[in-house]
Amino acid sequence: MDYDLEERVAKFGENVILFCMSVSVNQITKPLINQFVRAATSVGANYMEANQASSRKDFKNKIRICQKESNESNHWSRMISIAVPDKKEKCRELWKEAHELTLIFAKISRNCTDKN
């Protein structure tokens, strides 16, 4: 089976968008949804930029941003699970994926060597 990280991060962003569309918007959830969508979709955008990096240093920087954004997605997932308890299980699934992506990007980052 081929492993396509670009497809995986795109699917993560899509799943977060679809999930957030199912959350009732109110004064509490609106900013949480906004932040969650921004962080989750940023993972894929930054990964695509990393793949077009102009140097190893640029690549590593973009990968670290992917790591930070996927980690931030964990936070927003947790906050939504508290604000909307009936969505806790789906939040847990998205948290798990964000956590796995954070670990993947951390490993990629560690394996990069700055030669520039």
N, C-alpha and C. Protein backbone atom coordinates (compact mmCIF):
# COMPACT_ATOMS: atom_id res chain seq x y z
N MET A 1 0.84 -1.19 0.00
CA MET A 1 0.00 0.00 0.00
C MET A 1 0.89 1.25 0.00
N ASP A 2 0.60 2.17 -0.88
CA ASP A 2 1.35 3.42 -0.94
C ASP A 2 0.91 4.33 0.21
N TYR A 3 1.87 5.08 0.71
CA TYR A 3 1.59 6.02 1.78
C TYR A 3 1.72 7.41 1.21
N ASP A 4 0.65 8.18 1.24
CA ASP A 4 0.64 9.52 0.67
C ASP A 4 0.30 10.51 1.77
N LEU A 5 1.34 11.12 2.33
CA LEU A 5 1.13 12.07 3.42
C LEU A 5 0.37 13.29 2.95
N GLU A 6 0.60 13.72 1.72
CA GLU A 6 -0.13 14.88 1.19
C GLU A 6 -1.63 14.60 1.19
N GLU A 7 -2.01 13.41 0.78
CA GLU A 7 -3.43 13.04 0.77
C GLU A 7 -3.96 12.94 2.20
N ARG A 8 -3.16 12.41 3.09
CA ARG A 8 -3.59 12.25 4.48
C ARG A 8 -3.85 13.60 5.14
N VAL A 9 -2.96 14.57 4.93
CA VAL A 9 -3.19 15.88 5.56
C VAL A 9 -4.36 16.61 4.91
N ALA A 10 -4.56 16.39 3.61
CA ALA A 10 -5.72 16.98 2.94
C ALA A 10 -7.01 16.40 3.52
N LYS A 11 -7.04 15.08 3.70
CA LYS A 11 -8.22 14.42 4.28
C LYS A 11 -8.47 14.91 5.71
N PHE A 12 -7.40 15.12 6.45
CA PHE A 12 -7.56 15.64 7.82
C PHE A 12 -8.25 16.99 7.78
N GLY A 13 -7.78 17.89 6.93
CA GLY A 13 -8.40 19.21 6.80
C GLY A 13 -9.86 19.10 6.38
N GLU A 14 -10.13 18.24 5.41
CA GLU A 14 -11.51 18.04 4.95
C GLU A 14 -12.40 17.52 6.08
N ASN A 15 -11.88 16.54 6.82
CA ASN A 15 -12.67 15.96 7.92
C ASN A 15 -12.96 16.99 9.01
N VAL A 16 -12.00 17.85 9.28
CA VAL A 16 -12.23 18.90 10.27
C VAL A 16 -13.28 19.88 9.76
N ILE A 17 -13.20 20.25 8.50
CA ILE A 17 -14.21 21.16 7.92
C ILE A 17 -15.60 20.53 8.04
N LEU A 18 -15.73 19.29 7.62
CA LEU A 18 -17.03 18.62 7.67
C LEU A 18 -17.54 18.50 9.10
N PHE A 19 -16.64 18.17 10.02
CA PHE A 19 -17.02 18.09 11.43
C PHE A 19 -17.51 19.45 11.93
N CYS A 20 -16.75 20.48 11.66
CA CYS A 20 -17.09 21.82 12.15
C CYS A 20 -18.40 22.32 11.56
N MET A 21 -18.73 21.88 10.35
CA MET A 21 -20.01 22.25 9.76
C MET A 21 -21.18 21.61 10.52
N SER A 22 -20.89 20.53 11.26
CA SER A 22 -21.95 19.86 12.02
C SER A 22 -22.13 20.40 13.43
N VAL A 23 -21.24 21.30 13.84
CA VAL A 23 -21.30 21.86 15.19
C VAL A 23 -22.20 23.10 15.18
N SER A 24 -23.11 23.15 16.12
CA SER A 24 -23.99 24.32 16.25
C SER A 24 -23.16 25.54 16.63
N VAL A 25 -23.39 26.61 15.89
CA VAL A 25 -22.62 27.84 16.12
C VAL A 25 -23.30 28.69 17.18
N ASN A 26 -22.51 29.08 18.18
CA ASN A 26 -22.97 30.01 19.20
C ASN A 26 -21.77 30.86 19.62
N GLN A 27 -21.96 31.66 20.63
CA GLN A 27 -20.91 32.58 21.07
C GLN A 27 -19.62 31.86 21.48
N ILE A 28 -19.74 30.67 22.03
CA ILE A 28 -18.58 29.89 22.47
C ILE A 28 -17.97 29.12 21.31
N THR A 29 -18.80 28.44 20.52
CA THR A 29 -18.25 27.55 19.49
C THR A 29 -17.69 28.28 18.27
N LYS A 30 -18.23 29.46 17.97
CA LYS A 30 -17.78 30.16 16.76
C LYS A 30 -16.27 30.37 16.72
N PRO A 31 -15.64 30.95 17.76
CA PRO A 31 -14.19 31.13 17.68
C PRO A 31 -13.42 29.80 17.72
N LEU A 32 -13.96 28.82 18.43
CA LEU A 32 -13.29 27.51 18.49
C LEU A 32 -13.28 26.84 17.12
N ILE A 33 -14.42 26.89 16.45
CA ILE A 33 -14.54 26.32 15.11
C ILE A 33 -13.57 27.03 14.16
N ASN A 34 -13.56 28.34 14.21
CA ASN A 34 -12.69 29.13 13.34
C ASN A 34 -11.22 28.73 13.54
N GLN A 35 -10.80 28.66 14.77
CA GLN A 35 -9.41 28.32 15.06
C GLN A 35 -9.08 26.89 14.65
N PHE A 36 -10.00 25.97 14.89
CA PHE A 36 -9.78 24.57 14.55
C PHE A 36 -9.63 24.41 13.04
N VAL A 37 -10.51 25.02 12.29
CA VAL A 37 -10.43 24.93 10.82
C VAL A 37 -9.14 25.56 10.32
N ARG A 38 -8.77 26.70 10.86
CA ARG A 38 -7.53 27.38 10.43
C ARG A 38 -6.30 26.51 10.69
N ALA A 39 -6.21 25.94 11.88
CA ALA A 39 -5.05 25.13 12.22
C ALA A 39 -5.01 23.84 11.38
N ALA A 40 -6.14 23.17 11.29
CA ALA A 40 -6.18 21.88 10.59
C ALA A 40 -5.91 22.02 9.09
N THR A 41 -6.46 23.04 8.47
CA THR A 41 -6.23 23.21 7.03
C THR A 41 -4.83 23.76 6.75
N SER A 42 -4.25 24.43 7.72
CA SER A 42 -2.89 24.95 7.58
C SER A 42 -1.87 23.82 7.50
N VAL A 43 -2.15 22.69 8.12
CA VAL A 43 -1.22 21.55 8.08
C VAL A 43 -0.97 21.17 6.62
N GLY A 44 -2.03 20.97 5.86
CA GLY A 44 -1.89 20.57 4.47
C GLY A 44 -1.24 21.63 3.60
N ALA A 45 -1.62 22.88 3.82
CA ALA A 45 -1.05 23.98 3.03
C ALA A 45 0.46 24.08 3.28
N ASN A 46 0.86 23.96 4.52
CA ASN A 46 2.29 24.05 4.82
C ASN A 46 3.06 22.82 4.35
N TYR A 47 2.41 21.67 4.36
CA TYR A 47 3.07 20.47 3.84
C TYR A 47 3.31 20.61 2.34
N MET A 48 2.35 21.15 1.63
CA MET A 48 2.53 21.37 0.19
C MET A 48 3.67 22.36 -0.05
N GLU A 49 3.74 23.40 0.78
CA GLU A 49 4.85 24.36 0.67
C GLU A 49 6.18 23.68 0.97
N ALA A 50 6.21 22.80 1.95
CA ALA A 50 7.44 22.08 2.29
C ALA A 50 7.94 21.28 1.09
N ASN A 51 7.01 20.68 0.38
CA ASN A 51 7.40 19.87 -0.78
C ASN A 51 7.94 20.71 -1.94
N GLN A 52 7.75 22.01 -1.87
CA GLN A 52 8.28 22.92 -2.88
C GLN A 52 9.38 23.81 -2.29
N ALA A 53 9.94 23.39 -1.18
CA ALA A 53 10.93 24.21 -0.47
C ALA A 53 12.15 24.48 -1.34
N SER A 54 12.75 25.63 -1.10
CA SER A 54 13.92 26.06 -1.87
C SER A 54 15.23 25.56 -1.28
N SER A 55 15.18 25.04 -0.06
CA SER A 55 16.39 24.52 0.59
C SER A 55 15.98 23.55 1.70
N ARG A 56 16.97 22.83 2.22
CA ARG A 56 16.69 21.93 3.35
C ARG A 56 16.19 22.72 4.56
N LYS A 57 16.79 23.87 4.78
CA LYS A 57 16.39 24.71 5.91
C LYS A 57 14.94 25.16 5.75
N ASP A 58 14.55 25.56 4.53
CA ASP A 58 13.18 25.96 4.26
C ASP A 58 12.24 24.78 4.46
N PHE A 59 12.63 23.61 3.98
CA PHE A 59 11.83 22.39 4.14
C PHE A 59 11.60 22.10 5.63
N LYS A 60 12.68 22.11 6.40
CA LYS A 60 12.56 21.81 7.82
C LYS A 60 11.67 22.83 8.54
N ASN A 61 11.79 24.09 8.17
CA ASN A 61 10.95 25.13 8.77
C ASN A 61 9.48 24.87 8.48
N LYS A 62 9.15 24.54 7.26
CA LYS A 62 7.75 24.28 6.89
C LYS A 62 7.23 23.03 7.61
N ILE A 63 8.08 22.01 7.73
CA ILE A 63 7.68 20.79 8.43
C ILE A 63 7.42 21.10 9.90
N ARG A 64 8.23 21.95 10.48
CA ARG A 64 8.00 22.34 11.88
C ARG A 64 6.69 23.10 12.03
N ILE A 65 6.34 23.90 11.04
CA ILE A 65 5.05 24.60 11.06
C ILE A 65 3.92 23.58 10.99
N CYS A 66 4.07 22.57 10.13
CA CYS A 66 3.07 21.49 10.05
C CYS A 66 2.90 20.83 11.42
N GLN A 67 4.01 20.57 12.08
CA GLN A 67 3.99 19.96 13.40
C GLN A 67 3.25 20.85 14.40
N LYS A 68 3.55 22.13 14.39
CA LYS A 68 2.90 23.06 15.31
C LYS A 68 1.40 23.17 15.04
N GLU A 69 1.03 23.24 13.77
CA GLU A 69 -0.39 23.38 13.43
C GLU A 69 -1.18 22.12 13.75
N SER A 70 -0.60 20.95 13.53
CA SER A 70 -1.31 19.72 13.88
C SER A 70 -1.43 19.60 15.40
N ASN A 71 -0.40 20.04 16.11
CA ASN A 71 -0.46 20.04 17.57
C ASN A 71 -1.51 21.04 18.06
N GLU A 72 -1.58 22.20 17.43
CA GLU A 72 -2.60 23.18 17.79
C GLU A 72 -4.00 22.63 17.53
N SER A 73 -4.14 21.85 16.47
CA SER A 73 -5.44 21.23 16.18
C SER A 73 -5.90 20.35 17.34
N ASN A 74 -4.95 19.70 18.01
CA ASN A 74 -5.30 18.90 19.20
C ASN A 74 -5.99 19.77 20.24
N HIS A 75 -5.43 20.93 20.46
CA HIS A 75 -5.99 21.84 21.46
C HIS A 75 -7.42 22.24 21.12
N TRP A 76 -7.64 22.64 19.87
CA TRP A 76 -8.98 23.10 19.50
C TRP A 76 -9.99 21.96 19.52
N SER A 77 -9.56 20.77 19.16
CA SER A 77 -10.43 19.60 19.26
C SER A 77 -10.86 19.37 20.71
N ARG A 78 -9.90 19.49 21.60
CA ARG A 78 -10.21 19.31 23.02
C ARG A 78 -11.19 20.38 23.51
N MET A 79 -10.99 21.63 23.10
CA MET A 79 -11.87 22.70 23.54
C MET A 79 -13.29 22.50 23.01
N ILE A 80 -13.42 22.06 21.77
CA ILE A 80 -14.75 21.82 21.20
C ILE A 80 -15.43 20.66 21.92
N SER A 81 -14.65 19.64 22.28
CA SER A 81 -15.25 18.50 23.00
C SER A 81 -15.84 18.92 24.34
N ILE A 82 -15.27 19.96 24.93
CA ILE A 82 -15.81 20.48 26.19
C ILE A 82 -17.03 21.37 25.93
N ALA A 83 -16.94 22.19 24.88
CA ALA A 83 -18.04 23.12 24.56
C ALA A 83 -19.26 22.40 24.01
N VAL A 84 -19.03 21.26 23.34
CA VAL A 84 -20.13 20.50 22.72
C VAL A 84 -19.95 19.03 23.10
N PRO A 85 -20.37 18.66 24.30
CA PRO A 85 -20.12 17.30 24.80
C PRO A 85 -20.64 16.17 23.91
N ASP A 86 -21.72 16.41 23.17
CA ASP A 86 -22.24 15.34 22.32
C ASP A 86 -21.36 15.08 21.10
N LYS A 87 -20.35 15.91 20.87
CA LYS A 87 -19.40 15.72 19.76
C LYS A 87 -18.06 15.16 20.25
N LYS A 88 -18.02 14.75 21.51
CA LYS A 88 -16.77 14.33 22.13
C LYS A 88 -16.11 13.16 21.38
N GLU A 89 -16.87 12.18 20.96
CA GLU A 89 -16.29 11.01 20.30
C GLU A 89 -15.64 11.39 18.96
N LYS A 90 -16.32 12.21 18.17
CA LYS A 90 -15.73 12.65 16.90
C LYS A 90 -14.50 13.51 17.16
N CYS A 91 -14.55 14.34 18.18
CA CYS A 91 -13.38 15.14 18.55
C CYS A 91 -12.21 14.24 18.89
N ARG A 92 -12.49 13.15 19.59
CA ARG A 92 -11.45 12.20 19.97
C ARG A 92 -10.79 11.60 18.72
N GLU A 93 -11.59 11.26 17.72
CA GLU A 93 -11.05 10.72 16.46
C GLU A 93 -10.15 11.74 15.77
N LEU A 94 -10.61 12.98 15.70
CA LEU A 94 -9.82 14.04 15.07
C LEU A 94 -8.57 14.34 15.89
N TRP A 95 -8.69 14.30 17.20
CA TRP A 95 -7.53 14.51 18.07
C TRP A 95 -6.48 13.43 17.80
N LYS A 96 -6.93 12.19 17.66
CA LYS A 96 -6.01 11.08 17.41
C LYS A 96 -5.26 11.29 16.09
N GLU A 97 -5.96 11.68 15.07
CA GLU A 97 -5.31 11.92 13.77
C GLU A 97 -4.33 13.09 13.87
N ALA A 98 -4.74 14.16 14.53
CA ALA A 98 -3.85 15.31 14.69
C ALA A 98 -2.61 14.91 15.48
N HIS A 99 -2.79 14.10 16.49
CA HIS A 99 -1.66 13.63 17.30
C HIS A 99 -0.70 12.79 16.46
N GLU A 100 -1.24 11.88 15.67
CA GLU A 100 -0.39 11.07 14.79
C GLU A 100 0.37 11.94 13.80
N LEU A 101 -0.30 12.93 13.24
CA LEU A 101 0.38 13.83 12.31
C LEU A 101 1.48 14.62 13.01
N THR A 102 1.22 15.05 14.23
CA THR A 102 2.24 15.76 15.00
C THR A 102 3.47 14.88 15.17
N LEU A 103 3.27 13.62 15.50
CA LEU A 103 4.40 12.69 15.67
C LEU A 103 5.14 12.45 14.35
N ILE A 104 4.40 12.34 13.26
CA ILE A 104 5.03 12.15 11.94
C ILE A 104 5.89 13.35 11.59
N PHE A 105 5.36 14.54 11.76
CA PHE A 105 6.13 15.74 11.41
C PHE A 105 7.31 15.95 12.35
N ALA A 106 7.16 15.57 13.61
CA ALA A 106 8.29 15.65 14.54
C ALA A 106 9.42 14.73 14.08
N LYS A 107 9.06 13.55 13.64
CA LYS A 107 10.06 12.57 13.16
C LYS A 107 10.74 13.08 11.88
N ILE A 108 9.96 13.60 10.96
CA ILE A 108 10.54 14.16 9.72
C ILE A 108 11.49 15.28 10.07
N SER A 109 11.08 16.15 10.98
CA SER A 109 11.90 17.29 11.38
C SER A 109 13.23 16.83 11.99
N ARG A 110 13.16 15.82 12.85
CA ARG A 110 14.38 15.28 13.48
C ARG A 110 15.32 14.66 12.46
N ASN A 111 14.74 14.09 11.40
CA ASN A 111 15.55 13.42 10.39
C ASN A 111 16.16 14.39 9.37
N CYS A 112 15.72 15.63 9.39
CA CYS A 112 16.27 16.62 8.48
C CYS A 112 17.63 17.10 8.99
N THR A 113 18.53 17.31 8.07
CA THR A 113 19.81 17.89 8.46
C THR A 113 19.98 19.20 7.72
N ASP A 114 20.29 20.24 8.46
CA ASP A 114 20.53 21.55 7.84
C ASP A 114 21.94 21.56 7.28
N LYS A 115 22.04 21.66 5.97
CA LYS A 115 23.35 21.75 5.34
C LYS A 115 23.57 23.10 4.71
N ASN A 116 22.55 23.95 4.82
CA ASN A 116 22.67 25.28 4.23
C ASN A 116 23.05 26.30 5.25
